């Protein structure tokens, strides 16, 4: 990593609270975020920096604090009451690429509240896509991991110190803190009436040890027979195989902080032995639990873990926390599915992807942070038989932050899909919003073509510090329309506020080396406000049209400084 331009500043400052719940757009969240660089510290503030393959670039606000030695800390005064804490932090990797540990001490008003082990085992990927765990490949990314801490009672006005308390031989020499989230978590939910518990002895069997996979399957089978629901009580439950959910099944946990389905680290290199909840029917309802996998590498030839499968018609997925899996959710062949209040954290690939045959389905009030591909995506591909005509899907009131690859949200085709009322911050490896024809949406025999149709809408969104360096596409714009493979007809962008774009504010690109492949038509941009651009790269523009782009767009009522049109085949109308 090139560190000669690193900004090294040691300082003491007062903490400032940043609460994303107060944003005009995006998800309404129950936690309050405190940025490390705004805390009191005797460590070293790093950043801002916008170059790829740097820890600062993957940090919130492109700043963080490095604790270089035992006793160094960040400290802030809580503005809220809380009983849980999330710390986003980075440790160096081992030369073998399998991570290091460190000990953080949490102090409340000067007294030790607890010591916790943090790890970089689930961080650090290297080289070209789809990446490796070998540090010798260089081009590091995926610097951060998070730790969830419960059972800590914090009052408004309490002083919270996060300190490097190295106590074990061989611990990491430093720890970088990006941010801390405080949340007041509700008590664990009780079992609903007419429900079956996977912890029941009749499902565990006489030879039960610590693997709940078979008990979970038996409980679902009994629920299907009796018409009862499945309840997963508070606790941690090891799962080492697929959990297939048939039609008309409800599975509820005690809360995403209380019920945890976790993988077995010793088995997780076997893709068949991961935590995978697989829908297989209509009227399925999943809610109130966490999935914490053990995946630390990317292999696109292996099946996705997390929430996958088909959810037929009228299913719901609510209040799930998914972390350290390949994807958060990869959903196929579902109509009128509603995903609400879910959190995707530190996945190897996508946060939530609506894939084959998704129709009239909604992602609402969800958040994604630290994903390894698009935070939220709609991709109507055809690698499997589609049961519903893809289109009329909606991503709304969602917040996307800090992926280490790809985009905040993306639409790759389909009929009249929409992104509305969303917040995108710190999308440093790609666009906050990407409308693109790059990925295939047509069957091999060309009998099915799910290219863009109707009107694709992006409206009422705030976009901050986005439009970064993509390893294959160079600098992306904060909002980008890509017509490299096919034409797009029918785009409406309305009321977008783009602040501090790292590159271009908005762009239309083709990347076809002069060949006319795709044409943009019936595109209207209304009330687009771009305040700052080119924060991370030189010679950028408010609106940029590449020389290979063809088509036209209409600008109405927008404030876009410095428009550059390099194409003789593209027209901007006002």
Protein backbone atom coordinates (compact mmCIF):
# COMPACT_ATOMS: atom_id res chain seq x y z
CA UNK A 1 0.00 0.00 0.00
CA UNK A 2 1.24 3.47 -0.87
CA UNK A 3 1.31 5.47 2.36
CA UNK A 4 3.75 8.26 1.57
CA UNK A 5 0.92 10.78 1.27
CA UNK A 6 -0.84 9.62 4.42
CA UNK A 7 -2.09 12.48 6.57
CA UNK A 8 -0.83 11.95 10.12
CA UNK A 9 -2.35 14.25 12.68
CA UNK A 10 -2.46 13.63 16.39
CA UNK A 11 -5.02 15.70 18.25
CA UNK A 12 -7.54 15.97 21.04
CA UNK A 13 -11.04 16.95 19.90
CA UNK A 14 -14.53 16.80 21.30
CA UNK A 15 -16.90 14.14 20.03
CA UNK A 16 -19.74 14.95 17.67
CA UNK A 17 -22.80 12.80 17.16
CA UNK A 18 -23.95 11.89 13.69
CA UNK A 19 -27.40 10.30 13.68
CA UNK A 20 -28.52 8.99 10.32
CA UNK A 21 -32.11 8.80 11.57
CA UNK A 22 -32.24 12.58 11.21
CA UNK A 23 -31.47 12.56 7.49
CA UNK A 24 -34.28 13.66 5.19
CA UNK A 25 -33.97 10.50 3.12
CA UNK A 26 -32.83 6.97 3.85
CA UNK A 27 -33.75 4.42 6.46
CA UNK A 28 -35.05 5.41 9.87
CA UNK A 29 -32.62 3.66 12.20
CA UNK A 30 -32.61 3.02 15.96
CA UNK A 31 -28.93 3.70 16.52
CA UNK A 32 -26.76 6.80 16.82
CA UNK A 33 -23.38 6.93 15.09
CA UNK A 34 -20.29 8.57 16.57
CA UNK A 35 -17.38 9.18 14.18
CA UNK A 36 -13.94 8.32 15.56
CA UNK A 37 -12.18 11.34 14.04
CA UNK A 38 -14.59 13.61 15.93
CA UNK A 39 -13.88 11.96 19.27
CA UNK A 40 -11.31 12.92 21.86
CA UNK A 41 -8.20 10.85 21.13
CA UNK A 42 -4.50 10.44 21.85
CA UNK A 43 -4.21 8.35 18.70
CA UNK A 44 -3.57 9.47 15.13
CA UNK A 45 -6.28 10.84 12.87
CA UNK A 46 -5.90 9.55 9.30
CA UNK A 47 -7.38 11.09 6.18
CA UNK A 48 -9.15 12.27 4.26
CA UNK A 49 -7.84 10.17 1.38
CA UNK A 50 -9.65 9.11 -1.77
CA UNK A 51 -7.26 6.77 -3.55
CA UNK A 52 -8.24 3.11 -4.00
CA UNK A 53 -6.68 0.44 -1.78
CA UNK A 54 -6.37 2.72 1.25
CA UNK A 55 -8.06 2.26 4.62
CA UNK A 56 -9.01 5.95 4.74
CA UNK A 57 -10.97 5.64 1.50
CA UNK A 58 -13.10 2.84 2.98
CA UNK A 59 -13.69 4.88 6.14
CA UNK A 60 -16.79 6.90 6.90
CA UNK A 61 -16.06 10.43 5.74
CA UNK A 62 -12.69 9.08 4.54
CA UNK A 63 -11.29 9.63 8.03
CA UNK A 64 -10.49 7.29 10.93
CA UNK A 65 -8.29 7.09 14.03
CA UNK A 66 -5.31 4.79 14.43
CA UNK A 67 -4.50 3.49 17.90
CA UNK A 68 -0.82 2.65 17.61
CA UNK A 69 -0.04 1.38 21.08
CA UNK A 70 -1.53 -0.01 24.25
CA UNK A 71 -3.36 2.73 26.14
CA UNK A 72 -4.29 4.80 23.10
CA UNK A 73 -8.01 5.53 22.85
CA UNK A 74 -10.94 7.35 21.35
CA UNK A 75 -13.51 8.82 23.73
CA UNK A 76 -16.91 10.44 23.37
CA UNK A 77 -19.82 11.58 25.49
CA UNK A 78 -23.02 9.70 24.78
CA UNK A 79 -26.00 11.79 23.76
CA UNK A 80 -28.38 8.83 24.08
CA UNK A 81 -29.28 5.97 26.39
CA UNK A 82 -28.08 2.61 25.06
CA UNK A 83 -27.47 -1.00 26.02
CA UNK A 84 -25.55 -2.13 22.94
CA UNK A 85 -22.56 -0.99 20.96
CA UNK A 86 -21.15 -1.68 17.48
CA UNK A 87 -17.53 -0.75 16.74
CA UNK A 88 -16.26 -0.66 13.15
CA UNK A 89 -12.53 -1.25 13.23
CA UNK A 90 -9.52 -2.40 11.24
CA UNK A 91 -6.55 -4.52 12.27
CA UNK A 92 -3.57 -5.44 10.11
CA UNK A 93 -3.47 -8.83 8.42
CA UNK A 94 -1.02 -11.63 9.02
CA UNK A 95 1.51 -12.23 6.29
CA UNK A 96 -0.27 -15.56 5.70
CA UNK A 97 -3.54 -13.71 5.14
CA UNK A 98 -5.56 -15.25 7.97
CA UNK A 99 -5.93 -12.25 10.22
CA UNK A 100 -4.85 -11.01 13.65
CA UNK A 101 -6.68 -10.34 16.91
CA UNK A 102 -6.55 -7.48 19.37
CA UNK A 103 -8.18 -6.55 22.66
CA UNK A 104 -10.30 -3.43 23.03
CA UNK A 105 -11.28 -2.18 26.43
CA UNK A 106 -14.59 -0.34 26.82
CA UNK A 107 -14.58 2.14 29.70
CA UNK A 108 -17.59 4.00 31.06
CA UNK A 109 -16.87 7.14 33.08
CA UNK A 110 -13.33 5.93 33.64
CA UNK A 111 -14.22 2.41 34.82
CA UNK A 112 -13.71 -0.75 32.82
CA UNK A 113 -17.01 -2.06 31.44
CA UNK A 114 -15.48 -4.99 29.57
CA UNK A 115 -12.72 -6.21 27.29
CA UNK A 116 -13.51 -7.62 23.87
CA UNK A 117 -11.55 -9.43 21.18
CA UNK A 118 -11.67 -7.95 17.70
CA UNK A 119 -10.30 -9.69 14.62
CA UNK A 120 -9.25 -9.08 11.04
CA UNK A 121 -9.98 -12.69 10.07
CA UNK A 122 -13.02 -11.52 8.09
CA UNK A 123 -11.28 -8.53 6.52
CA UNK A 124 -8.59 -8.06 3.87
CA UNK A 125 -9.02 -9.22 0.31
CA UNK A 126 -6.35 -8.69 -2.34
CA UNK A 127 -5.65 -8.52 -6.05
CA UNK A 128 -8.03 -8.57 -8.97
CA UNK A 129 -11.68 -9.60 -8.85
CA UNK A 130 -12.86 -12.00 -7.46
CA UNK A 131 -9.89 -11.49 -5.13
CA UNK A 132 -7.68 -13.64 -2.98
CA UNK A 133 -6.70 -13.84 0.69
CA UNK A 134 -3.00 -13.75 -0.23
CA UNK A 135 -1.39 -10.41 0.76
CA UNK A 136 1.27 -10.86 -1.91
CA UNK A 137 -1.34 -10.01 -4.56
CA UNK A 138 -1.43 -6.40 -3.33
CA UNK A 139 -4.29 -3.99 -4.05
CA UNK A 140 -5.86 -4.51 -0.63
CA UNK A 141 -9.54 -3.84 0.09
CA UNK A 142 -12.19 -4.86 2.65
CA UNK A 143 -10.29 -3.32 5.53
CA UNK A 144 -13.01 -3.23 8.15
CA UNK A 145 -14.88 -5.60 10.41
CA UNK A 146 -17.40 -4.89 13.17
CA UNK A 147 -18.02 -6.20 16.65
CA UNK A 148 -21.43 -6.34 18.35
CA UNK A 149 -21.42 -5.74 22.11
CA UNK A 150 -24.46 -6.22 24.32
CA UNK A 151 -25.18 -5.93 28.03
CA UNK A 152 -23.53 -2.54 28.46
CA UNK A 153 -25.70 0.09 30.17
CA UNK A 154 -25.03 3.59 28.90
CA UNK A 155 -26.84 6.70 30.04
CA UNK A 156 -27.02 10.04 28.31
CA UNK A 157 -23.94 11.98 29.40
CA UNK A 158 -21.79 8.92 30.09
CA UNK A 159 -18.23 9.17 28.80
CA UNK A 160 -17.34 6.12 26.70
CA UNK A 161 -13.72 5.28 25.99
CA UNK A 162 -12.60 2.67 23.45
CA UNK A 163 -9.00 1.78 24.24
CA UNK A 164 -6.38 -0.54 22.79
CA UNK A 165 -5.75 -2.83 25.75
CA UNK A 166 -3.29 -5.32 24.21
CA UNK A 167 -3.00 -8.13 26.74
CA UNK A 168 -2.08 -11.25 24.77
CA UNK A 169 1.21 -12.12 22.99
CA UNK A 170 1.03 -11.76 19.24
CA UNK A 171 -1.80 -9.24 19.21
CA UNK A 172 -2.11 -6.78 16.33
CA UNK A 173 0.28 -3.83 16.69
CA UNK A 174 -2.45 -1.29 15.95
CA UNK A 175 -6.20 -0.88 15.72
CA UNK A 176 -8.00 1.66 13.52
CA UNK A 177 -11.41 2.87 14.68
CA UNK A 178 -13.86 4.21 12.11
CA UNK A 179 -17.07 4.69 14.09
CA UNK A 180 -19.24 3.45 16.93
CA UNK A 181 -23.01 2.90 16.93
CA UNK A 182 -25.03 3.11 20.15
CA UNK A 183 -28.46 1.49 20.32
CA UNK A 184 -31.03 0.82 22.99
CA UNK A 185 -32.21 -2.70 22.19
CA UNK A 186 -35.66 -3.86 23.27
CA UNK A 187 -35.94 -7.00 25.47
CA UNK A 188 -36.10 -10.38 23.78
CA UNK A 189 -39.45 -11.29 22.26
CA UNK A 190 -41.40 -14.14 23.80
CA UNK A 191 -42.72 -17.10 21.87
CA UNK A 192 -45.97 -16.23 20.07
CA UNK A 193 -49.09 -18.29 20.66
CA UNK A 194 -49.46 -21.46 18.62
CA UNK A 195 -45.73 -21.73 17.90
CA UNK A 196 -43.11 -24.48 18.03
CA UNK A 197 -39.60 -23.89 19.39
CA UNK A 198 -36.56 -25.36 17.69
CA UNK A 199 -35.17 -25.80 21.20
CA UNK A 200 -37.87 -28.32 22.09
CA UNK A 201 -36.44 -31.68 23.20
CA UNK A 202 -38.64 -33.51 20.72
CA UNK A 203 -36.72 -31.82 17.88
CA UNK A 204 -33.27 -31.98 19.46
CA UNK A 205 -33.21 -35.75 19.92
CA UNK A 206 -31.31 -37.82 22.46
CA UNK A 207 -27.93 -37.48 20.73
CA UNK A 208 -28.01 -33.66 20.40
CA UNK A 209 -24.70 -31.88 20.96
CA UNK A 210 -24.49 -28.33 19.61
CA UNK A 211 -25.73 -28.40 16.00
CA UNK A 212 -29.32 -27.20 15.54
CA UNK A 213 -29.61 -27.92 11.81
CA UNK A 214 -31.73 -31.09 12.11
CA UNK A 215 -33.79 -29.65 14.96
CA UNK A 216 -34.59 -26.62 12.80
CA UNK A 217 -35.62 -28.84 9.89
CA UNK A 218 -37.80 -31.06 12.09
CA UNK A 219 -39.48 -28.04 13.65
CA UNK A 220 -40.32 -26.62 10.21
CA UNK A 221 -41.71 -29.97 9.08
CA UNK A 222 -43.93 -30.20 12.15
CA UNK A 223 -45.08 -26.62 11.67
CA UNK A 224 -46.06 -27.44 8.09
CA UNK A 225 -48.15 -30.38 9.33
CA UNK A 226 -49.86 -28.58 12.21
CA UNK A 227 -50.23 -25.08 10.83
CA UNK A 228 -48.20 -23.63 13.70
CA UNK A 229 -45.33 -21.15 13.42
CA UNK A 230 -41.65 -21.69 14.20
CA UNK A 231 -40.03 -19.77 17.07
CA UNK A 232 -36.29 -19.42 17.64
CA UNK A 233 -35.71 -18.23 21.22
CA UNK A 234 -32.91 -15.99 22.41
CA UNK A 235 -29.53 -17.66 22.09
CA UNK A 236 -26.89 -18.72 19.59
CA UNK A 237 -27.73 -21.65 17.33
CA UNK A 238 -25.16 -23.38 15.14
CA UNK A 239 -26.43 -24.22 11.65
CA UNK A 240 -24.39 -26.36 9.25
CA UNK A 241 -26.68 -26.96 6.28
CA UNK A 242 -29.56 -25.66 4.20
CA UNK A 243 -32.79 -24.75 5.94
CA UNK A 244 -35.48 -25.07 3.28
CA UNK A 245 -38.66 -23.14 4.06
CA UNK A 246 -41.85 -24.36 2.30
CA UNK A 247 -45.00 -22.35 1.65
CA UNK A 248 -47.12 -20.95 4.47
CA UNK A 249 -44.38 -21.09 7.12
CA UNK A 250 -43.64 -18.30 9.62
CA UNK A 251 -40.25 -18.26 11.37
CA UNK A 252 -39.70 -15.68 14.10
CA UNK A 253 -36.80 -15.10 16.45
CA UNK A 254 -36.57 -13.16 19.69
CA UNK A 255 -34.98 -10.16 17.95
CA UNK A 256 -31.96 -9.54 15.73
CA UNK A 257 -29.79 -8.84 18.77
CA UNK A 258 -31.06 -11.86 20.71
CA UNK A 259 -31.45 -14.79 18.29
CA UNK A 260 -28.33 -15.65 16.32
CA UNK A 261 -27.94 -18.35 13.70
CA UNK A 262 -24.22 -18.87 13.31
CA UNK A 263 -21.96 -21.00 11.16
CA UNK A 264 -19.24 -23.44 12.14
CA UNK A 265 -15.88 -21.90 11.22
CA UNK A 266 -14.28 -25.33 10.81
CA UNK A 267 -16.87 -26.32 8.18
CA UNK A 268 -17.44 -23.03 6.38
CA UNK A 269 -15.08 -23.74 3.51
CA UNK A 270 -17.65 -26.36 2.45
CA UNK A 271 -20.38 -24.37 0.65
CA UNK A 272 -22.98 -27.03 1.55
CA UNK A 273 -22.44 -26.51 5.28
CA UNK A 274 -23.13 -22.80 5.61
CA UNK A 275 -26.02 -20.84 7.08
CA UNK A 276 -28.48 -20.73 4.21
CA UNK A 277 -32.22 -20.06 4.62
CA UNK A 278 -33.81 -21.10 1.32
CA UNK A 279 -37.33 -20.08 0.41
CA UNK A 280 -39.42 -22.58 -1.54
CA UNK A 281 -42.98 -21.31 -1.68
CA UNK A 282 -45.47 -18.50 -1.12
CA UNK A 283 -46.67 -16.83 2.07
CA UNK A 284 -43.36 -17.30 3.89
CA UNK A 285 -42.61 -14.91 6.75
CA UNK A 286 -39.13 -14.54 8.31
CA UNK A 287 -38.41 -12.08 11.10
CA UNK A 288 -36.39 -11.04 14.14
CA UNK A 289 -33.14 -12.98 14.03
CA UNK A 290 -29.53 -12.60 12.93
CA UNK A 291 -27.41 -14.72 10.62
CA UNK A 292 -23.69 -14.50 11.41
CA UNK A 293 -21.71 -16.56 8.92
CA UNK A 294 -18.02 -17.39 8.86
CA UNK A 295 -17.08 -16.59 5.26
CA UNK A 296 -13.87 -14.70 4.55
CA UNK A 297 -13.22 -15.33 0.85
CA UNK A 298 -15.09 -14.91 -2.43
CA UNK A 299 -15.78 -17.71 -4.89
CA UNK A 300 -18.53 -16.99 -7.40
CA UNK A 301 -18.72 -20.67 -8.32
CA UNK A 302 -20.01 -21.50 -4.83
CA UNK A 303 -23.65 -21.16 -3.83
CA UNK A 304 -24.72 -18.08 -1.90
CA UNK A 305 -25.36 -18.32 1.81
CA UNK A 306 -27.62 -15.97 3.77
CA UNK A 307 -31.25 -15.63 2.63
CA UNK A 308 -31.79 -17.20 -0.80
CA UNK A 309 -34.42 -18.94 -2.91
CA UNK A 310 -37.93 -18.20 -4.12
CA UNK A 311 -40.64 -16.67 -1.95
CA UNK A 312 -43.57 -17.02 -4.34
CA UNK A 313 -46.28 -14.48 -3.65
CA UNK A 314 -47.03 -12.31 -0.61
CA UNK A 315 -44.05 -13.25 1.56
CA UNK A 316 -42.26 -10.97 4.04
CA UNK A 317 -38.73 -10.73 5.44
CA UNK A 318 -38.47 -8.36 8.39
CA UNK A 319 -35.87 -7.20 10.92
CA UNK A 320 -33.01 -9.54 10.05
CA UNK A 321 -29.32 -8.81 10.63
CA UNK A 322 -27.02 -10.65 8.19
CA UNK A 323 -23.23 -10.57 8.42
CA UNK A 324 -20.17 -12.51 7.19
CA UNK A 325 -22.08 -14.39 4.52
CA UNK A 326 -21.49 -14.28 0.77
CA UNK A 327 -24.67 -12.24 0.27
CA UNK A 328 -27.22 -10.86 2.62
CA UNK A 329 -30.15 -11.86 0.39
CA UNK A 330 -30.23 -13.22 -3.17
CA UNK A 331 -33.90 -13.55 -4.04
CA UNK A 332 -35.50 -15.14 -7.10
CA UNK A 333 -39.00 -15.67 -8.49
CA UNK A 334 -41.03 -13.70 -6.01
CA UNK A 335 -43.96 -11.36 -6.43
CA UNK A 336 -45.18 -8.83 -3.88
CA UNK A 337 -42.37 -9.74 -1.50
CA UNK A 338 -41.72 -7.11 1.17
CA UNK A 339 -38.31 -6.81 2.84
CA UNK A 340 -38.35 -4.31 5.71
CA UNK A 341 -36.10 -3.17 8.52
CA UNK A 342 -33.15 -5.46 7.71
CA UNK A 343 -29.43 -4.81 8.18
CA UNK A 344 -26.73 -6.15 5.83
CA UNK A 345 -23.24 -5.93 7.28
CA UNK A 346 -19.80 -6.98 6.02
CA UNK A 347 -20.89 -9.43 3.36
CA UNK A 348 -18.46 -10.80 0.78
CA UNK A 349 -20.78 -9.87 -2.10
CA UNK A 350 -24.19 -8.15 -2.48
CA UNK A 351 -26.34 -6.85 0.33
CA UNK A 352 -29.75 -7.55 -1.25
CA UNK A 353 -30.14 -8.60 -4.89
CA UNK A 354 -33.51 -9.03 -6.61
CA UNK A 355 -32.53 -11.45 -9.35
CA UNK A 356 -34.48 -13.83 -11.61
CA UNK A 357 -38.22 -13.19 -11.99
CA UNK A 358 -38.76 -10.49 -9.36
CA UNK A 359 -42.05 -8.66 -9.65
CA UNK A 360 -43.75 -5.89 -7.63
CA UNK A 361 -41.44 -6.48 -4.68
CA UNK A 362 -40.09 -3.93 -2.22
CA UNK A 363 -36.92 -3.33 -0.17
CA UNK A 364 -37.86 -0.76 2.45
CA UNK A 365 -36.15 0.83 5.44
CA UNK A 366 -33.11 -1.45 5.12
CA UNK A 367 -29.45 -0.57 5.59
CA UNK A 368 -26.27 -1.99 4.11
CA UNK A 369 -22.73 -1.27 5.28
CA UNK A 370 -19.45 -2.88 4.30
CA UNK A 371 -20.82 -5.08 1.51
CA UNK A 372 -18.52 -6.62 -1.10
CA UNK A 373 -20.76 -5.82 -4.06
CA UNK A 374 -23.87 -3.73 -4.72
CA UNK A 375 -25.60 -2.78 -1.48
CA UNK A 376 -29.01 -3.06 -3.20
CA UNK A 377 -29.52 -4.37 -6.73
CA UNK A 378 -32.23 -5.30 -9.21
CA UNK A 379 -30.86 -7.66 -11.88
CA UNK A 380 -33.50 -9.46 -13.99
CA UNK A 381 -31.16 -12.09 -15.37
CA UNK A 382 -32.30 -15.43 -16.81
CA UNK A 383 -29.89 -18.13 -15.62
CA UNK A 384 -32.98 -19.92 -14.26
CA UNK A 385 -36.59 -20.13 -15.39
CA UNK A 386 -38.48 -16.99 -14.42
CA UNK A 387 -41.93 -17.49 -12.91
CA UNK A 388 -42.92 -13.82 -12.85
CA UNK A 389 -42.40 -11.03 -15.35
CA UNK A 390 -39.57 -8.94 -13.88
CA UNK A 391 -40.41 -5.36 -13.08
CA UNK A 392 -42.21 -2.81 -10.93
CA UNK A 393 -39.84 -3.41 -8.01
CA UNK A 394 -38.98 -0.69 -5.51
CA UNK A 395 -36.00 0.20 -3.32
CA UNK A 396 -37.24 2.87 -0.92
CA UNK A 397 -36.17 4.60 2.30
CA UNK A 398 -32.94 2.61 2.40
CA UNK A 399 -29.42 3.65 3.43
CA UNK A 400 -26.29 2.33 1.70
CA UNK A 401 -22.83 2.97 3.12
CA UNK A 402 -19.24 1.98 2.57
CA UNK A 403 -19.20 -1.02 0.21
CA UNK A 404 -15.69 -2.19 -0.63
CA UNK A 405 -16.75 -3.06 -4.19
CA UNK A 406 -19.38 -1.82 -6.63
CA UNK A 407 -22.32 0.48 -5.95
CA UNK A 408 -24.81 1.76 -3.43
CA UNK A 409 -27.72 0.69 -5.60
CA UNK A 410 -28.00 -0.59 -9.15
CA UNK A 411 -30.68 -1.44 -11.68
CA UNK A 412 -29.59 -3.65 -14.59
CA UNK A 413 -32.87 -3.93 -16.51
CA UNK A 414 -36.54 -4.80 -16.16
CA UNK A 415 -39.81 -2.92 -16.44
CA UNK A 416 -40.35 0.29 -14.48
CA UNK A 417 -38.17 -0.38 -11.44
CA UNK A 418 -37.61 2.45 -8.95
CA UNK A 419 -35.17 3.78 -6.36
CA UNK A 420 -36.74 6.41 -4.12
CA UNK A 421 -36.17 8.28 -0.84
CA UNK A 422 -32.76 6.73 -0.24
CA UNK A 423 -29.51 7.91 1.34
CA UNK A 424 -26.11 6.95 -0.09
CA UNK A 425 -22.91 7.87 1.73
CA UNK A 426 -19.25 7.02 1.18
CA UNK A 427 -19.68 4.84 -1.90
CA UNK A 428 -15.96 4.96 -2.71
CA UNK A 429 -15.56 1.99 -5.14
CA UNK A 430 -18.40 2.87 -7.51
CA UNK A 431 -21.58 4.86 -8.00
CA UNK A 432 -24.23 5.63 -5.44
CA UNK A 433 -26.79 4.88 -8.17
CA UNK A 434 -25.91 2.92 -11.29
CA UNK A 435 -28.35 2.32 -14.16
CA UNK A 436 -26.52 -0.10 -16.43
CA UNK A 437 -26.78 -2.61 -19.25
CA UNK A 438 -23.47 -4.29 -18.39
CA UNK A 439 -24.90 -7.58 -17.12
CA UNK A 440 -26.95 -10.01 -19.25
CA UNK A 441 -30.76 -9.98 -19.13
CA UNK A 442 -31.51 -12.03 -22.24
CA UNK A 443 -31.87 -15.80 -22.62
CA UNK A 444 -29.44 -17.64 -24.88
CA UNK A 445 -32.15 -18.38 -27.41
CA UNK A 446 -33.28 -14.72 -27.20
CA UNK A 447 -36.84 -15.77 -26.41
CA UNK A 448 -36.69 -13.72 -23.19
CA UNK A 449 -35.36 -10.17 -23.09
CA UNK A 450 -35.56 -8.33 -19.79
CA UNK A 451 -33.83 -5.16 -20.92
CA UNK A 452 -35.06 -1.82 -19.60
CA UNK A 453 -38.66 -0.99 -20.46
CA UNK A 454 -41.34 1.32 -19.12
CA UNK A 455 -39.85 4.13 -17.02
CA UNK A 456 -36.98 3.52 -14.61
CA UNK A 457 -37.19 6.07 -11.80
CA UNK A 458 -34.57 7.44 -9.39
CA UNK A 459 -36.13 10.09 -7.16
CA UNK A 460 -35.79 11.95 -3.88
CA UNK A 461 -32.33 10.77 -2.84
CA UNK A 462 -29.36 12.30 -1.02
CA UNK A 463 -25.94 11.23 -2.25
CA UNK A 464 -22.76 12.10 -0.35
CA UNK A 465 -19.06 11.40 -1.03
CA UNK A 466 -19.77 8.83 -3.72
CA UNK A 467 -18.57 8.11 -7.24
CA UNK A 468 -15.23 6.45 -6.56
CA UNK A 469 -12.67 4.29 -8.32
CA UNK A 470 -13.98 1.06 -9.84
CA UNK A 471 -11.28 -1.55 -10.50
CA UNK A 472 -12.68 -2.27 -13.99
CA UNK A 473 -14.33 1.05 -14.95
CA UNK A 474 -11.92 3.62 -13.55
CA UNK A 475 -13.69 6.53 -11.80
CA UNK A 476 -17.47 6.13 -11.63
CA UNK A 477 -19.76 9.12 -11.24
CA UNK A 478 -21.91 9.49 -8.14
CA UNK A 479 -24.87 8.76 -10.44
CA UNK A 480 -24.11 6.93 -13.66
CA UNK A 481 -26.02 5.69 -16.70
CA UNK A 482 -24.09 3.03 -18.59
CA UNK A 483 -25.24 1.99 -22.09
CA UNK A 484 -22.34 -0.29 -22.99
CA UNK A 485 -24.30 -3.42 -24.07
CA UNK A 486 -27.86 -2.37 -24.94
CA UNK A 487 -30.05 0.68 -25.32
CA UNK A 488 -32.05 2.23 -22.49
CA UNK A 489 -35.34 3.99 -23.17
CA UNK A 490 -37.26 5.65 -20.36
CA UNK A 491 -35.36 7.08 -17.39
CA UNK A 492 -36.63 9.71 -14.99
CA UNK A 493 -34.34 11.16 -12.35
CA UNK A 494 -35.93 13.71 -10.06
CA UNK A 495 -34.90 15.63 -6.95
CA UNK A 496 -31.40 14.25 -6.41
CA UNK A 497 -28.96 16.11 -4.17
CA UNK A 498 -25.37 15.12 -4.95
CA UNK A 499 -22.77 16.41 -2.50
CA UNK A 500 -18.98 16.06 -2.53
CA UNK A 501 -18.82 13.62 -5.41
CA UNK A 502 -15.41 11.98 -5.48
CA UNK A 503 -15.45 12.01 -9.27
CA UNK A 504 -18.06 13.29 -11.73
CA UNK A 505 -21.39 14.18 -10.24
CA UNK A 506 -23.44 12.49 -12.96
CA UNK A 507 -22.35 10.74 -16.15
CA UNK A 508 -23.56 8.87 -19.22
CA UNK A 509 -20.95 6.43 -20.49
CA UNK A 510 -20.69 3.69 -23.09
CA UNK A 511 -17.11 2.37 -23.16
CA UNK A 512 -17.58 0.95 -26.64
CA UNK A 513 -14.43 2.27 -28.31
CA UNK A 514 -16.45 4.17 -30.90
CA UNK A 515 -18.90 1.38 -31.75
CA UNK A 516 -22.54 2.35 -31.39
CA UNK A 517 -24.08 -0.38 -29.25
CA UNK A 518 -26.57 1.30 -26.91
CA UNK A 519 -28.64 4.48 -27.21
CA UNK A 520 -30.16 6.48 -24.37
CA UNK A 521 -33.61 7.89 -25.13
CA UNK A 522 -36.60 9.31 -23.28
CA UNK A 523 -34.36 10.34 -20.37
CA UNK A 524 -35.43 13.26 -18.20
CA UNK A 525 -33.38 14.77 -15.37
CA UNK A 526 -35.36 17.17 -13.17
CA UNK A 527 -34.27 19.09 -10.07
CA UNK A 528 -30.78 17.60 -9.98
CA UNK A 529 -28.55 19.60 -7.63
CA UNK A 530 -24.81 18.96 -7.68
CA UNK A 531 -22.95 21.06 -5.13
CA UNK A 532 -19.40 19.71 -5.26
CA UNK A 533 -17.60 17.23 -7.51
CA UNK A 534 -14.05 16.06 -8.20
CA UNK A 535 -13.20 15.82 -4.51
CA UNK A 536 -11.06 12.72 -5.04
CA UNK A 537 -10.00 13.02 -8.69
CA UNK A 538 -8.88 15.83 -10.97
CA UNK A 539 -10.48 17.09 -14.19
CA UNK A 540 -14.02 15.95 -13.36
CA UNK A 541 -17.39 17.52 -14.11
CA UNK A 542 -20.85 18.08 -12.75
CA UNK A 543 -22.26 16.18 -15.75
CA UNK A 544 -20.05 14.17 -18.09
CA UNK A 545 -21.00 12.47 -21.38
CA UNK A 546 -18.33 10.07 -22.68
CA UNK A 547 -17.25 10.18 -26.32
CA UNK A 548 -18.79 6.75 -27.06
CA UNK A 549 -22.23 7.57 -25.65
CA UNK A 550 -25.17 7.95 -28.03
CA UNK A 551 -28.64 9.35 -27.51
CA UNK A 552 -30.06 12.28 -25.62
CA UNK A 553 -31.38 13.54 -22.31
CA UNK A 554 -33.48 16.47 -21.15
CA UNK A 555 -32.39 18.71 -18.24
CA UNK A 556 -35.11 20.56 -16.34
CA UNK A 557 -34.82 22.85 -13.33
CA UNK A 558 -31.40 21.52 -12.35
CA UNK A 559 -28.24 23.06 -10.91
CA UNK A 560 -25.35 21.22 -12.54
CA UNK A 561 -22.12 23.20 -12.89
CA UNK A 562 -19.51 22.40 -15.53
CA UNK A 563 -21.17 20.15 -18.11
CA UNK A 564 -18.87 18.28 -20.49
CA UNK A 565 -20.22 16.45 -23.56
CA UNK A 566 -17.46 14.63 -25.47
CA UNK A 567 -19.82 12.81 -27.84
CA UNK A 568 -20.89 14.02 -31.26
CA UNK A 569 -23.73 11.51 -31.10
CA UNK A 570 -25.27 12.71 -27.84
CA UNK A 571 -27.57 15.69 -27.28
CA UNK A 572 -28.39 17.51 -24.04
CA UNK A 573 -31.67 19.40 -24.27
CA UNK A 574 -32.90 22.02 -21.83
